[in-house]
Amino acid sequence: MGHPVSIDTAAGRISGWRADPPIPAKGALVVVQEIFGVNAHVRQVVDRFAAHGFVALAPALFDLVEHNIELEYTPEGVARGRDLVTQLGIDRAVAMVRAAERALADIGKVGVVGYCWGGTIAFLANTRLNLPAVSYYGGRTVPFLHERLSAPMLFLFGDNDPIISADDIALHREHHPEAGFHVYPAGHGFNCDQRADYDETAAADALARTLAFFERTLK
């Protein structure tokens, strides 16, 4: 369903993966990748949102560092992804989300959904870009919890996540009681069927909650 696209940014053109729904769009979503790039899983996520009625676009954030990054869910992939995240930096990642939002401006209202590292970037798209956002197991958000939400926000976590502790989740609730929260009996990456922690039941429920969130906030 989806196809590769080119996105204009202040730092030059980057690539992305976009899918459009077969019905009139309910709104548009920027899908923010994990540390593994715009890989098969992220493209699948984009296509799934389109099948549910949203125009979806995943910008290839690592293009500012290196093109054509698609990493495996292996220790080597994790190490490489973390290095790329460090090289890219938070501010440039948020700027690329802003560029993707602008590329979708003709559709209507735009929301952001992100996974893992992308979940943290989705949170920052809320606080800094005023966009409704859903964060799936955003593992790097704690240092930014002092930033105030500027749009509706939904956090989704797994209570067996070794990266995000129960104390971390409690900090999210403490700083942002106005946000929506749901914690699943699952591990990190429960939405990704390429990970050992994939949980089909949690993934299906999380998708339903995410769709309902955006159907409400992008009206």
N, C-alpha and C. Protein backbone atom coordinates (compact mmCIF):
# COMPACT_ATOMS: atom_id res chain seq x y z
N MET A 1 0.83 -1.21 0.00
CA MET A 1 0.00 0.00 0.00
C MET A 1 0.87 1.26 0.00
N GLY A 2 1.92 1.25 0.81
CA GLY A 2 2.76 2.43 0.93
C GLY A 2 3.78 2.55 -0.19
N HIS A 3 4.48 3.70 -0.21
CA HIS A 3 5.49 3.92 -1.24
C HIS A 3 6.52 4.91 -0.71
N PRO A 4 7.74 4.86 -1.26
CA PRO A 4 8.76 5.81 -0.82
C PRO A 4 8.46 7.22 -1.31
N VAL A 5 8.82 8.20 -0.48
CA VAL A 5 8.61 9.60 -0.83
C VAL A 5 9.85 10.40 -0.44
N SER A 6 9.88 11.64 -0.89
CA SER A 6 10.95 12.57 -0.52
C SER A 6 10.31 13.72 0.25
N ILE A 7 10.97 14.16 1.31
CA ILE A 7 10.43 15.19 2.20
C ILE A 7 11.40 16.35 2.26
N ASP A 8 10.90 17.56 2.01
CA ASP A 8 11.73 18.77 2.13
C ASP A 8 11.92 19.13 3.59
N THR A 9 13.15 19.40 4.00
CA THR A 9 13.44 19.89 5.35
C THR A 9 14.42 21.04 5.25
N ALA A 10 14.57 21.78 6.34
CA ALA A 10 15.51 22.90 6.35
C ALA A 10 16.95 22.42 6.17
N ALA A 11 17.20 21.14 6.47
CA ALA A 11 18.55 20.58 6.36
C ALA A 11 18.76 19.82 5.05
N GLY A 12 17.79 19.91 4.15
CA GLY A 12 17.88 19.17 2.89
C GLY A 12 16.78 18.14 2.80
N ARG A 13 16.73 17.40 1.71
CA ARG A 13 15.69 16.41 1.49
C ARG A 13 16.03 15.10 2.19
N ILE A 14 15.01 14.50 2.79
CA ILE A 14 15.14 13.17 3.37
C ILE A 14 14.08 12.27 2.74
N SER A 15 14.27 10.98 2.89
CA SER A 15 13.30 10.03 2.36
C SER A 15 12.25 9.69 3.42
N GLY A 16 11.27 8.94 3.01
CA GLY A 16 10.23 8.52 3.94
C GLY A 16 9.36 7.46 3.29
N TRP A 17 8.43 6.92 4.08
CA TRP A 17 7.48 5.92 3.59
C TRP A 17 6.09 6.43 3.89
N ARG A 18 5.25 6.54 2.86
CA ARG A 18 3.91 7.11 3.01
C ARG A 18 2.87 6.14 2.48
N ALA A 19 1.73 6.11 3.17
CA ALA A 19 0.59 5.33 2.71
C ALA A 19 -0.67 6.17 2.86
N ASP A 20 -1.55 6.07 1.87
CA ASP A 20 -2.81 6.81 1.88
C ASP A 20 -3.97 5.83 1.95
N PRO A 21 -5.02 6.19 2.68
CA PRO A 21 -6.14 5.26 2.87
C PRO A 21 -6.99 5.14 1.62
N PRO A 22 -7.72 4.04 1.50
CA PRO A 22 -8.62 3.86 0.36
C PRO A 22 -9.94 4.60 0.53
N ILE A 23 -10.10 5.27 1.68
CA ILE A 23 -11.31 6.03 1.98
C ILE A 23 -10.91 7.46 2.32
N PRO A 24 -11.87 8.40 2.37
CA PRO A 24 -11.50 9.76 2.78
C PRO A 24 -10.78 9.75 4.13
N ALA A 25 -9.68 10.50 4.20
CA ALA A 25 -8.80 10.43 5.37
C ALA A 25 -9.45 11.01 6.61
N LYS A 26 -9.24 10.33 7.74
CA LYS A 26 -9.68 10.83 9.04
C LYS A 26 -8.71 11.85 9.62
N GLY A 27 -7.56 11.99 8.99
CA GLY A 27 -6.50 12.86 9.48
C GLY A 27 -5.18 12.30 9.00
N ALA A 28 -4.08 12.86 9.49
CA ALA A 28 -2.76 12.44 9.06
C ALA A 28 -1.88 12.16 10.27
N LEU A 29 -0.98 11.19 10.12
CA LEU A 29 -0.10 10.79 11.21
C LEU A 29 1.35 10.77 10.73
N VAL A 30 2.22 11.37 11.53
CA VAL A 30 3.66 11.17 11.38
C VAL A 30 4.03 9.99 12.26
N VAL A 31 4.60 8.96 11.67
CA VAL A 31 5.02 7.77 12.39
C VAL A 31 6.52 7.86 12.64
N VAL A 32 6.92 7.84 13.91
CA VAL A 32 8.33 8.03 14.24
C VAL A 32 8.97 6.69 14.57
N GLN A 33 10.00 6.38 13.84
CA GLN A 33 10.71 5.11 13.86
C GLN A 33 11.34 4.78 15.21
N GLU A 34 11.68 3.52 15.37
CA GLU A 34 12.55 3.08 16.46
C GLU A 34 14.00 3.42 16.07
N ILE A 35 14.96 2.92 16.84
CA ILE A 35 16.37 3.18 16.53
C ILE A 35 16.85 2.34 15.34
N PHE A 36 15.95 1.53 14.76
CA PHE A 36 16.35 0.61 13.70
C PHE A 36 16.07 1.15 12.30
N GLY A 37 15.64 2.41 12.21
CA GLY A 37 15.38 3.01 10.91
C GLY A 37 13.96 2.76 10.42
N VAL A 38 13.69 3.23 9.20
CA VAL A 38 12.39 2.98 8.58
C VAL A 38 12.48 1.61 7.92
N ASN A 39 12.38 0.59 8.77
CA ASN A 39 12.56 -0.79 8.33
C ASN A 39 11.21 -1.42 7.99
N ALA A 40 11.22 -2.72 7.75
CA ALA A 40 9.99 -3.41 7.34
C ALA A 40 8.89 -3.24 8.38
N HIS A 41 9.24 -3.27 9.66
CA HIS A 41 8.24 -3.12 10.71
C HIS A 41 7.59 -1.74 10.65
N VAL A 42 8.39 -0.70 10.52
CA VAL A 42 7.84 0.66 10.48
C VAL A 42 6.98 0.85 9.24
N ARG A 43 7.41 0.32 8.11
CA ARG A 43 6.60 0.41 6.90
C ARG A 43 5.26 -0.32 7.09
N GLN A 44 5.30 -1.43 7.79
CA GLN A 44 4.07 -2.18 8.08
C GLN A 44 3.13 -1.35 8.96
N VAL A 45 3.70 -0.64 9.94
CA VAL A 45 2.90 0.21 10.82
C VAL A 45 2.23 1.32 10.01
N VAL A 46 3.01 1.96 9.13
CA VAL A 46 2.45 3.02 8.28
C VAL A 46 1.30 2.47 7.44
N ASP A 47 1.50 1.34 6.81
CA ASP A 47 0.46 0.75 5.97
C ASP A 47 -0.79 0.41 6.79
N ARG A 48 -0.58 -0.05 8.02
CA ARG A 48 -1.72 -0.41 8.87
C ARG A 48 -2.56 0.82 9.22
N PHE A 49 -1.90 1.92 9.55
CA PHE A 49 -2.67 3.14 9.86
C PHE A 49 -3.46 3.60 8.64
N ALA A 50 -2.86 3.47 7.45
CA ALA A 50 -3.59 3.86 6.23
C ALA A 50 -4.81 2.97 6.03
N ALA A 51 -4.67 1.68 6.33
CA ALA A 51 -5.79 0.76 6.19
C ALA A 51 -6.94 1.13 7.12
N HIS A 52 -6.60 1.84 8.21
CA HIS A 52 -7.62 2.27 9.18
C HIS A 52 -8.08 3.71 8.94
N GLY A 53 -7.68 4.29 7.80
CA GLY A 53 -8.27 5.57 7.43
C GLY A 53 -7.41 6.80 7.59
N PHE A 54 -6.14 6.64 7.95
CA PHE A 54 -5.27 7.80 8.14
C PHE A 54 -4.18 7.83 7.07
N VAL A 55 -3.88 9.03 6.57
CA VAL A 55 -2.65 9.19 5.79
C VAL A 55 -1.49 9.10 6.77
N ALA A 56 -0.54 8.24 6.50
CA ALA A 56 0.57 8.03 7.44
C ALA A 56 1.90 8.19 6.71
N LEU A 57 2.85 8.82 7.40
CA LEU A 57 4.17 9.10 6.82
C LEU A 57 5.25 8.89 7.86
N ALA A 58 6.22 8.05 7.54
CA ALA A 58 7.37 7.82 8.43
C ALA A 58 8.60 8.47 7.80
N PRO A 59 9.07 9.59 8.35
CA PRO A 59 10.29 10.21 7.82
C PRO A 59 11.51 9.40 8.24
N ALA A 60 12.46 9.27 7.33
CA ALA A 60 13.70 8.53 7.62
C ALA A 60 14.66 9.48 8.35
N LEU A 61 14.54 9.52 9.66
CA LEU A 61 15.27 10.52 10.44
C LEU A 61 16.78 10.38 10.31
N PHE A 62 17.26 9.16 10.14
CA PHE A 62 18.70 8.95 10.07
C PHE A 62 19.32 9.44 8.76
N ASP A 63 18.48 9.85 7.79
CA ASP A 63 19.02 10.34 6.52
C ASP A 63 19.96 11.53 6.71
N LEU A 64 19.78 12.27 7.80
CA LEU A 64 20.68 13.40 8.06
C LEU A 64 22.07 12.93 8.45
N VAL A 65 22.18 11.66 8.84
CA VAL A 65 23.48 11.09 9.21
C VAL A 65 23.97 10.12 8.14
N GLU A 66 23.08 9.20 7.74
CA GLU A 66 23.42 8.18 6.74
C GLU A 66 22.14 7.66 6.11
N HIS A 67 22.17 7.46 4.80
CA HIS A 67 20.98 7.03 4.08
C HIS A 67 20.79 5.51 4.12
N ASN A 68 19.54 5.11 3.86
CA ASN A 68 19.19 3.69 3.68
C ASN A 68 19.51 2.84 4.90
N ILE A 69 19.19 3.37 6.09
CA ILE A 69 19.42 2.63 7.33
C ILE A 69 18.22 1.74 7.63
N GLU A 70 18.43 0.44 7.62
CA GLU A 70 17.45 -0.54 8.07
C GLU A 70 18.20 -1.58 8.89
N LEU A 71 18.04 -1.55 10.19
CA LEU A 71 18.81 -2.40 11.08
C LEU A 71 18.00 -3.58 11.59
N GLU A 72 18.70 -4.65 11.93
CA GLU A 72 18.06 -5.85 12.48
C GLU A 72 17.88 -5.70 13.99
N TYR A 73 16.97 -6.50 14.54
CA TYR A 73 16.73 -6.51 15.99
C TYR A 73 17.74 -7.46 16.66
N THR A 74 18.98 -7.05 16.61
CA THR A 74 20.10 -7.82 17.15
C THR A 74 20.94 -6.90 18.02
N PRO A 75 21.83 -7.44 18.85
CA PRO A 75 22.73 -6.57 19.64
C PRO A 75 23.53 -5.62 18.75
N GLU A 76 23.93 -6.10 17.58
CA GLU A 76 24.68 -5.23 16.68
C GLU A 76 23.80 -4.11 16.14
N GLY A 77 22.54 -4.45 15.84
CA GLY A 77 21.61 -3.45 15.36
C GLY A 77 21.32 -2.40 16.43
N VAL A 78 21.17 -2.85 17.66
CA VAL A 78 20.93 -1.92 18.78
C VAL A 78 22.11 -0.97 18.93
N ALA A 79 23.32 -1.50 18.90
CA ALA A 79 24.51 -0.66 19.08
C ALA A 79 24.62 0.38 17.96
N ARG A 80 24.38 -0.06 16.74
CA ARG A 80 24.46 0.85 15.60
C ARG A 80 23.36 1.91 15.68
N GLY A 81 22.15 1.49 16.04
CA GLY A 81 21.05 2.43 16.16
C GLY A 81 21.30 3.47 17.23
N ARG A 82 21.82 3.05 18.35
CA ARG A 82 22.10 4.01 19.44
C ARG A 82 23.15 5.02 18.99
N ASP A 83 24.13 4.57 18.24
CA ASP A 83 25.16 5.48 17.74
C ASP A 83 24.55 6.50 16.78
N LEU A 84 23.66 6.06 15.91
CA LEU A 84 23.01 6.97 14.98
C LEU A 84 22.12 7.98 15.70
N VAL A 85 21.41 7.53 16.74
CA VAL A 85 20.59 8.43 17.55
C VAL A 85 21.45 9.53 18.16
N THR A 86 22.62 9.16 18.68
CA THR A 86 23.52 10.14 19.28
C THR A 86 24.01 11.13 18.24
N GLN A 87 24.37 10.62 17.06
CA GLN A 87 24.86 11.51 16.01
C GLN A 87 23.77 12.47 15.53
N LEU A 88 22.54 11.98 15.43
CA LEU A 88 21.44 12.81 14.95
C LEU A 88 21.07 13.89 15.95
N GLY A 89 20.89 13.50 17.21
CA GLY A 89 20.50 14.45 18.24
C GLY A 89 18.99 14.67 18.29
N ILE A 90 18.51 15.02 19.46
CA ILE A 90 17.08 15.20 19.70
C ILE A 90 16.50 16.34 18.87
N ASP A 91 17.17 17.48 18.86
CA ASP A 91 16.61 18.66 18.21
C ASP A 91 16.42 18.45 16.71
N ARG A 92 17.38 17.80 16.06
CA ARG A 92 17.24 17.55 14.62
C ARG A 92 16.14 16.53 14.35
N ALA A 93 15.99 15.56 15.25
CA ALA A 93 14.92 14.59 15.07
C ALA A 93 13.55 15.27 15.14
N VAL A 94 13.35 16.15 16.11
CA VAL A 94 12.08 16.88 16.23
C VAL A 94 11.86 17.76 15.01
N ALA A 95 12.93 18.37 14.51
CA ALA A 95 12.80 19.22 13.32
C ALA A 95 12.35 18.40 12.10
N MET A 96 12.81 17.16 12.01
CA MET A 96 12.39 16.31 10.89
C MET A 96 10.91 15.93 11.01
N VAL A 97 10.43 15.74 12.23
CA VAL A 97 9.01 15.49 12.44
C VAL A 97 8.20 16.71 12.01
N ARG A 98 8.71 17.89 12.33
CA ARG A 98 8.03 19.12 11.90
C ARG A 98 7.94 19.19 10.37
N ALA A 99 9.02 18.83 9.71
CA ALA A 99 9.01 18.83 8.25
C ALA A 99 8.00 17.83 7.70
N ALA A 100 7.92 16.66 8.32
CA ALA A 100 6.94 15.66 7.89
C ALA A 100 5.52 16.15 8.13
N GLU A 101 5.31 16.84 9.26
CA GLU A 101 3.99 17.42 9.53
C GLU A 101 3.61 18.40 8.42
N ARG A 102 4.54 19.23 8.01
CA ARG A 102 4.26 20.22 6.97
C ARG A 102 3.94 19.53 5.64
N ALA A 103 4.59 18.39 5.40
CA ALA A 103 4.32 17.65 4.17
C ALA A 103 2.91 17.08 4.15
N LEU A 104 2.28 17.00 5.33
CA LEU A 104 0.93 16.44 5.44
C LEU A 104 -0.13 17.52 5.68
N ALA A 105 0.28 18.78 5.66
CA ALA A 105 -0.61 19.86 6.07
C ALA A 105 -1.86 19.96 5.20
N ASP A 106 -1.77 19.52 3.94
CA ASP A 106 -2.94 19.62 3.07
C ASP A 106 -4.02 18.59 3.41
N ILE A 107 -3.67 17.60 4.24
CA ILE A 107 -4.63 16.55 4.60
C ILE A 107 -5.62 17.04 5.64
N GLY A 108 -5.13 17.88 6.56
CA GLY A 108 -5.94 18.31 7.70
C GLY A 108 -5.11 18.26 8.96
N LYS A 109 -5.74 17.94 10.08
CA LYS A 109 -5.00 17.89 11.35
C LYS A 109 -4.02 16.72 11.34
N VAL A 110 -2.89 16.94 12.03
CA VAL A 110 -1.81 15.96 12.04
C VAL A 110 -1.50 15.54 13.48
N GLY A 111 -1.33 14.24 13.70
CA GLY A 111 -0.88 13.71 14.97
C GLY A 111 0.44 12.98 14.78
N VAL A 112 1.04 12.57 15.89
CA VAL A 112 2.33 11.88 15.85
C VAL A 112 2.25 10.63 16.72
N VAL A 113 2.76 9.52 16.20
CA VAL A 113 2.85 8.29 16.98
C VAL A 113 4.26 7.75 16.82
N GLY A 114 4.89 7.40 17.94
CA GLY A 114 6.27 6.93 17.88
C GLY A 114 6.51 5.73 18.77
N TYR A 115 7.55 5.00 18.44
CA TYR A 115 7.84 3.71 19.07
C TYR A 115 9.28 3.70 19.58
N CYS A 116 9.44 3.28 20.85
CA CYS A 116 10.78 3.18 21.45
C CYS A 116 11.39 4.59 21.46
N TRP A 117 12.57 4.78 20.90
CA TRP A 117 13.14 6.13 20.80
C TRP A 117 12.15 7.08 20.14
N GLY A 118 11.45 6.59 19.13
CA GLY A 118 10.45 7.40 18.47
C GLY A 118 9.31 7.82 19.39
N GLY A 119 9.04 7.03 20.42
CA GLY A 119 8.04 7.41 21.41
C GLY A 119 8.43 8.66 22.16
N THR A 120 9.72 8.79 22.45
CA THR A 120 10.22 10.01 23.08
C THR A 120 10.12 11.18 22.13
N ILE A 121 10.46 10.98 20.86
CA ILE A 121 10.35 12.06 19.89
C ILE A 121 8.88 12.47 19.71
N ALA A 122 7.96 11.51 19.77
CA ALA A 122 6.53 11.84 19.69
C ALA A 122 6.11 12.71 20.87
N PHE A 123 6.60 12.38 22.07
CA PHE A 123 6.32 13.21 23.24
C PHE A 123 6.82 14.64 23.02
N LEU A 124 8.03 14.78 22.48
CA LEU A 124 8.59 16.11 22.25
C LEU A 124 7.87 16.84 21.12
N ALA A 125 7.28 16.10 20.18
CA ALA A 125 6.45 16.74 19.16
C ALA A 125 5.20 17.34 19.79
N ASN A 126 4.74 16.75 20.88
CA ASN A 126 3.62 17.31 21.64
C ASN A 126 4.06 18.58 22.37
N THR A 127 5.14 18.48 23.15
CA THR A 127 5.53 19.62 23.99
C THR A 127 6.08 20.78 23.17
N ARG A 128 6.74 20.48 22.05
CA ARG A 128 7.43 21.53 21.28
C ARG A 128 6.72 21.95 20.01
N LEU A 129 5.90 21.05 19.45
CA LEU A 129 5.24 21.34 18.17
C LEU A 129 3.72 21.40 18.29
N ASN A 130 3.20 21.20 19.50
CA ASN A 130 1.76 21.31 19.78
C ASN A 130 0.93 20.27 19.04
N LEU A 131 1.48 19.06 18.86
CA LEU A 131 0.79 18.03 18.11
C LEU A 131 0.27 16.92 19.04
N PRO A 132 -0.97 16.46 18.86
CA PRO A 132 -1.44 15.29 19.62
C PRO A 132 -0.51 14.11 19.36
N ALA A 133 -0.21 13.36 20.41
CA ALA A 133 0.81 12.32 20.24
C ALA A 133 0.51 11.09 21.08
N VAL A 134 0.97 9.94 20.53
CA VAL A 134 0.94 8.67 21.25
C VAL A 134 2.37 8.15 21.31
N SER A 135 2.81 7.82 22.52
CA SER A 135 4.15 7.30 22.75
C SER A 135 4.06 5.85 23.18
N TYR A 136 4.58 4.97 22.32
CA TYR A 136 4.72 3.56 22.68
C TYR A 136 6.09 3.34 23.31
N TYR A 137 6.10 2.91 24.55
CA TYR A 137 7.33 2.58 25.29
C TYR A 137 8.51 3.48 24.93
N GLY A 138 8.28 4.80 25.11
CA GLY A 138 9.35 5.77 24.85
C GLY A 138 10.41 5.69 25.94
N GLY A 139 11.55 5.14 25.60
CA GLY A 139 12.55 4.80 26.62
C GLY A 139 13.49 5.92 27.01
N ARG A 140 13.38 7.10 26.38
CA ARG A 140 14.32 8.18 26.67
C ARG A 140 13.60 9.46 27.11
N THR A 141 12.39 9.32 27.61
CA THR A 141 11.55 10.48 27.89
C THR A 141 11.80 11.11 29.26
N VAL A 142 12.26 10.33 30.22
CA VAL A 142 12.38 10.83 31.60
C VAL A 142 13.13 12.16 31.69
N PRO A 143 14.27 12.35 31.01
CA PRO A 143 14.97 13.64 31.13
C PRO A 143 14.16 14.84 30.64
N PHE A 144 13.08 14.59 29.90
CA PHE A 144 12.30 15.69 29.32
C PHE A 144 10.93 15.86 29.97
N LEU A 145 10.67 15.12 31.05
CA LEU A 145 9.33 15.15 31.63
C LEU A 145 8.96 16.51 32.22
N HIS A 146 9.94 17.38 32.40
CA HIS A 146 9.63 18.73 32.90
C HIS A 146 8.95 19.58 31.82
N GLU A 147 9.04 19.16 30.54
CA GLU A 147 8.40 19.92 29.48
C GLU A 147 6.88 19.73 29.54
N ARG A 148 6.15 20.80 29.34
CA ARG A 148 4.70 20.76 29.51
C ARG A 148 4.01 20.30 28.24
N LEU A 149 2.99 19.48 28.40
CA LEU A 149 2.20 19.05 27.26
C LEU A 149 1.45 20.24 26.67
N SER A 150 1.34 20.25 25.34
CA SER A 150 0.61 21.34 24.69
C SER A 150 -0.52 20.81 23.80
N ALA A 151 -0.79 19.50 23.90
CA ALA A 151 -1.86 18.86 23.12
C ALA A 151 -2.21 17.55 23.84
N PRO A 152 -3.28 16.86 23.42
CA PRO A 152 -3.60 15.57 24.03
C PRO A 152 -2.45 14.57 23.87
N MET A 153 -2.29 13.71 24.87
CA MET A 153 -1.15 12.78 24.93
C MET A 153 -1.61 11.44 25.48
N LEU A 154 -1.09 10.35 24.87
CA LEU A 154 -1.35 9.00 25.35
C LEU A 154 -0.03 8.26 25.46
N PHE A 155 0.22 7.68 26.63
CA PHE A 155 1.42 6.87 26.87
C PHE A 155 1.02 5.39 26.97
N LEU A 156 1.76 4.52 26.29
CA LEU A 156 1.54 3.08 26.33
C LEU A 156 2.83 2.39 26.76
N PHE A 157 2.75 1.59 27.81
CA PHE A 157 3.92 0.93 28.37
C PHE A 157 3.69 -0.56 28.58
N GLY A 158 4.79 -1.30 28.75
CA GLY A 158 4.74 -2.67 29.22
C GLY A 158 5.31 -2.74 30.62
N ASP A 159 4.65 -3.46 31.51
CA ASP A 159 5.14 -3.47 32.89
C ASP A 159 6.31 -4.43 33.11
N ASN A 160 6.72 -5.16 32.07
CA ASN A 160 7.91 -6.00 32.15
C ASN A 160 9.05 -5.45 31.29
N ASP A 161 9.03 -4.15 31.09
CA ASP A 161 10.01 -3.50 30.22
C ASP A 161 11.30 -3.24 31.01
N PRO A 162 12.44 -3.85 30.62
CA PRO A 162 13.68 -3.62 31.36
C PRO A 162 14.26 -2.23 31.14
N ILE A 163 13.77 -1.52 30.12
CA ILE A 163 14.29 -0.19 29.80
C ILE A 163 13.52 0.89 30.56
N ILE A 164 12.22 0.66 30.79
CA ILE A 164 11.35 1.64 31.46
C ILE A 164 10.82 1.01 32.73
N SER A 165 11.31 1.46 33.86
CA SER A 165 10.95 0.86 35.15
C SER A 165 9.59 1.35 35.63
N ALA A 166 9.06 0.68 36.64
CA ALA A 166 7.80 1.12 37.26
C ALA A 166 7.96 2.53 37.82
N ASP A 167 9.14 2.84 38.35
CA ASP A 167 9.39 4.19 38.86
C ASP A 167 9.36 5.22 37.73
N ASP A 168 9.89 4.84 36.57
CA ASP A 168 9.86 5.75 35.42
C ASP A 168 8.41 6.02 34.99
N ILE A 169 7.60 4.97 34.96
CA ILE A 169 6.20 5.15 34.58
C ILE A 169 5.50 6.05 35.60
N ALA A 170 5.82 5.84 36.87
CA ALA A 170 5.23 6.68 37.92
C ALA A 170 5.61 8.15 37.72
N LEU A 171 6.85 8.40 37.28
CA LEU A 171 7.28 9.78 37.03
C LEU A 171 6.48 10.40 35.89
N HIS A 172 6.19 9.61 34.86
CA HIS A 172 5.36 10.12 33.77
C HIS A 172 3.99 10.54 34.31
N ARG A 173 3.39 9.68 35.12
CA ARG A 173 2.07 9.99 35.68
C ARG A 173 2.13 11.23 36.58
N GLU A 174 3.20 11.34 37.36
CA GLU A 174 3.34 12.46 38.29
C GLU A 174 3.46 13.79 37.54
N HIS A 175 4.26 13.80 36.47
CA HIS A 175 4.48 15.04 35.73
C HIS A 175 3.33 15.38 34.79
N HIS A 176 2.62 14.35 34.31
CA HIS A 176 1.58 14.60 33.30
C HIS A 176 0.29 13.85 33.62
N PRO A 177 -0.35 14.22 34.73
CA PRO A 177 -1.58 13.52 35.13
C PRO A 177 -2.72 13.72 34.14
N GLU A 178 -2.61 14.75 33.30
CA GLU A 178 -3.67 15.01 32.32
C GLU A 178 -3.60 14.08 31.12
N ALA A 179 -2.49 13.34 30.96
CA ALA A 179 -2.32 12.45 29.82
C ALA A 179 -3.06 11.14 30.04
N GLY A 180 -3.29 10.41 28.94
CA GLY A 180 -3.82 9.06 29.04
C GLY A 180 -2.67 8.07 29.23
N PHE A 181 -2.94 7.00 29.97
CA PHE A 181 -1.93 5.97 30.23
C PHE A 181 -2.56 4.59 30.11
N HIS A 182 -1.78 3.65 29.60
CA HIS A 182 -2.17 2.25 29.72
C HIS A 182 -0.91 1.41 29.80
N VAL A 183 -0.89 0.51 30.77
CA VAL A 183 0.27 -0.36 30.99
C VAL A 183 -0.16 -1.80 30.76
N TYR A 184 0.57 -2.49 29.89
CA TYR A 184 0.24 -3.87 29.52
C TYR A 184 1.15 -4.87 30.25
N PRO A 185 0.66 -6.09 30.49
CA PRO A 185 1.52 -7.13 31.05
C PRO A 185 2.44 -7.66 29.95
N ALA A 186 3.38 -6.82 29.55
CA ALA A 186 4.22 -7.12 28.38
C ALA A 186 5.58 -6.47 28.56
N GLY A 187 6.49 -6.81 27.65
CA GLY A 187 7.84 -6.27 27.70
C GLY A 187 8.02 -5.09 26.76
N HIS A 188 9.28 -4.72 26.54
CA HIS A 188 9.59 -3.62 25.64
C HIS A 188 9.37 -4.07 24.19
N GLY A 189 8.83 -3.18 23.38
CA GLY A 189 8.63 -3.52 21.97
C GLY A 189 7.48 -4.47 21.72
N PHE A 190 6.49 -4.46 22.60
CA PHE A 190 5.40 -5.45 22.48
C PHE A 190 4.60 -5.29 21.19
N ASN A 191 4.73 -4.14 20.53
CA ASN A 191 3.98 -3.92 19.30
C ASN A 191 4.65 -4.51 18.06
N CYS A 192 5.91 -4.90 18.18
CA CYS A 192 6.70 -5.29 17.00
C CYS A 192 6.81 -6.80 16.88
N ASP A 193 6.25 -7.35 15.79
CA ASP A 193 6.24 -8.80 15.65
C ASP A 193 7.60 -9.37 15.22
N GLN A 194 8.61 -8.50 15.11
CA GLN A 194 9.97 -8.96 14.86
C GLN A 194 10.81 -9.04 16.13
N ARG A 195 10.19 -8.72 17.26
CA ARG A 195 10.90 -8.76 18.55
C ARG A 195 10.43 -9.96 19.37
N ALA A 196 11.32 -10.41 20.24
CA ALA A 196 10.96 -11.52 21.13
C ALA A 196 9.83 -11.13 22.07
N ASP A 197 9.71 -9.85 22.41
CA ASP A 197 8.70 -9.38 23.35
C ASP A 197 7.35 -9.07 22.70
N TYR A 198 7.21 -9.39 21.43
CA TYR A 198 5.93 -9.13 20.76
C TYR A 198 4.78 -9.80 21.51
N ASP A 199 3.73 -9.04 21.71
CA ASP A 199 2.54 -9.55 22.40
C ASP A 199 1.33 -9.18 21.55
N GLU A 200 0.76 -10.16 20.90
CA GLU A 200 -0.31 -9.91 19.94
C GLU A 200 -1.52 -9.25 20.59
N THR A 201 -1.88 -9.70 21.80
CA THR A 201 -3.04 -9.13 22.48
C THR A 201 -2.80 -7.68 22.85
N ALA A 202 -1.63 -7.39 23.42
CA ALA A 202 -1.30 -6.02 23.79
C ALA A 202 -1.22 -5.12 22.56
N ALA A 203 -0.62 -5.63 21.48
CA ALA A 203 -0.48 -4.84 20.26
C ALA A 203 -1.84 -4.48 19.69
N ALA A 204 -2.76 -5.44 19.69
CA ALA A 204 -4.09 -5.18 19.14
C ALA A 204 -4.85 -4.16 19.99
N ASP A 205 -4.75 -4.28 21.30
CA ASP A 205 -5.44 -3.33 22.17
C ASP A 205 -4.82 -1.93 22.05
N ALA A 206 -3.48 -1.88 21.98
CA ALA A 206 -2.80 -0.60 21.84
C ALA A 206 -3.18 0.09 20.54
N LEU A 207 -3.29 -0.68 19.46
CA LEU A 207 -3.71 -0.10 18.19
C LEU A 207 -5.12 0.47 18.30
N ALA A 208 -6.02 -0.28 18.92
CA ALA A 208 -7.40 0.20 19.08
C ALA A 208 -7.43 1.50 19.88
N ARG A 209 -6.64 1.57 20.95
CA ARG A 209 -6.60 2.79 21.76
C ARG A 209 -6.00 3.95 20.96
N THR A 210 -4.98 3.65 20.17
CA THR A 210 -4.32 4.69 19.38
C THR A 210 -5.27 5.23 18.31
N LEU A 211 -5.96 4.34 17.63
CA LEU A 211 -6.92 4.78 16.61
C LEU A 211 -8.03 5.63 17.23
N ALA A 212 -8.54 5.19 18.36
CA ALA A 212 -9.61 5.95 19.03
C ALA A 212 -9.10 7.33 19.46
N PHE A 213 -7.88 7.38 19.95
CA PHE A 213 -7.27 8.64 20.37
C PHE A 213 -7.21 9.62 19.20
N PHE A 214 -6.70 9.16 18.06
CA PHE A 214 -6.56 10.06 16.93
C PHE A 214 -7.90 10.37 16.25
N GLU A 215 -8.82 9.43 16.27
CA GLU A 215 -10.15 9.73 15.73
C GLU A 215 -10.82 10.84 16.54
N ARG A 216 -10.50 10.89 17.83
CA ARG A 216 -11.05 11.94 18.69
C ARG A 216 -10.29 13.25 18.55
N THR A 217 -8.97 13.20 18.56
CA THR A 217 -8.17 14.43 18.64
C THR A 217 -7.94 15.10 17.29
N LEU A 218 -8.12 14.35 16.19
CA LEU A 218 -7.90 14.95 14.87
C LEU A 218 -9.19 15.30 14.16
N LYS A 219 -10.32 15.25 14.85
CA LYS A 219 -11.60 15.59 14.23
C LYS A 219 -11.59 17.04 13.74
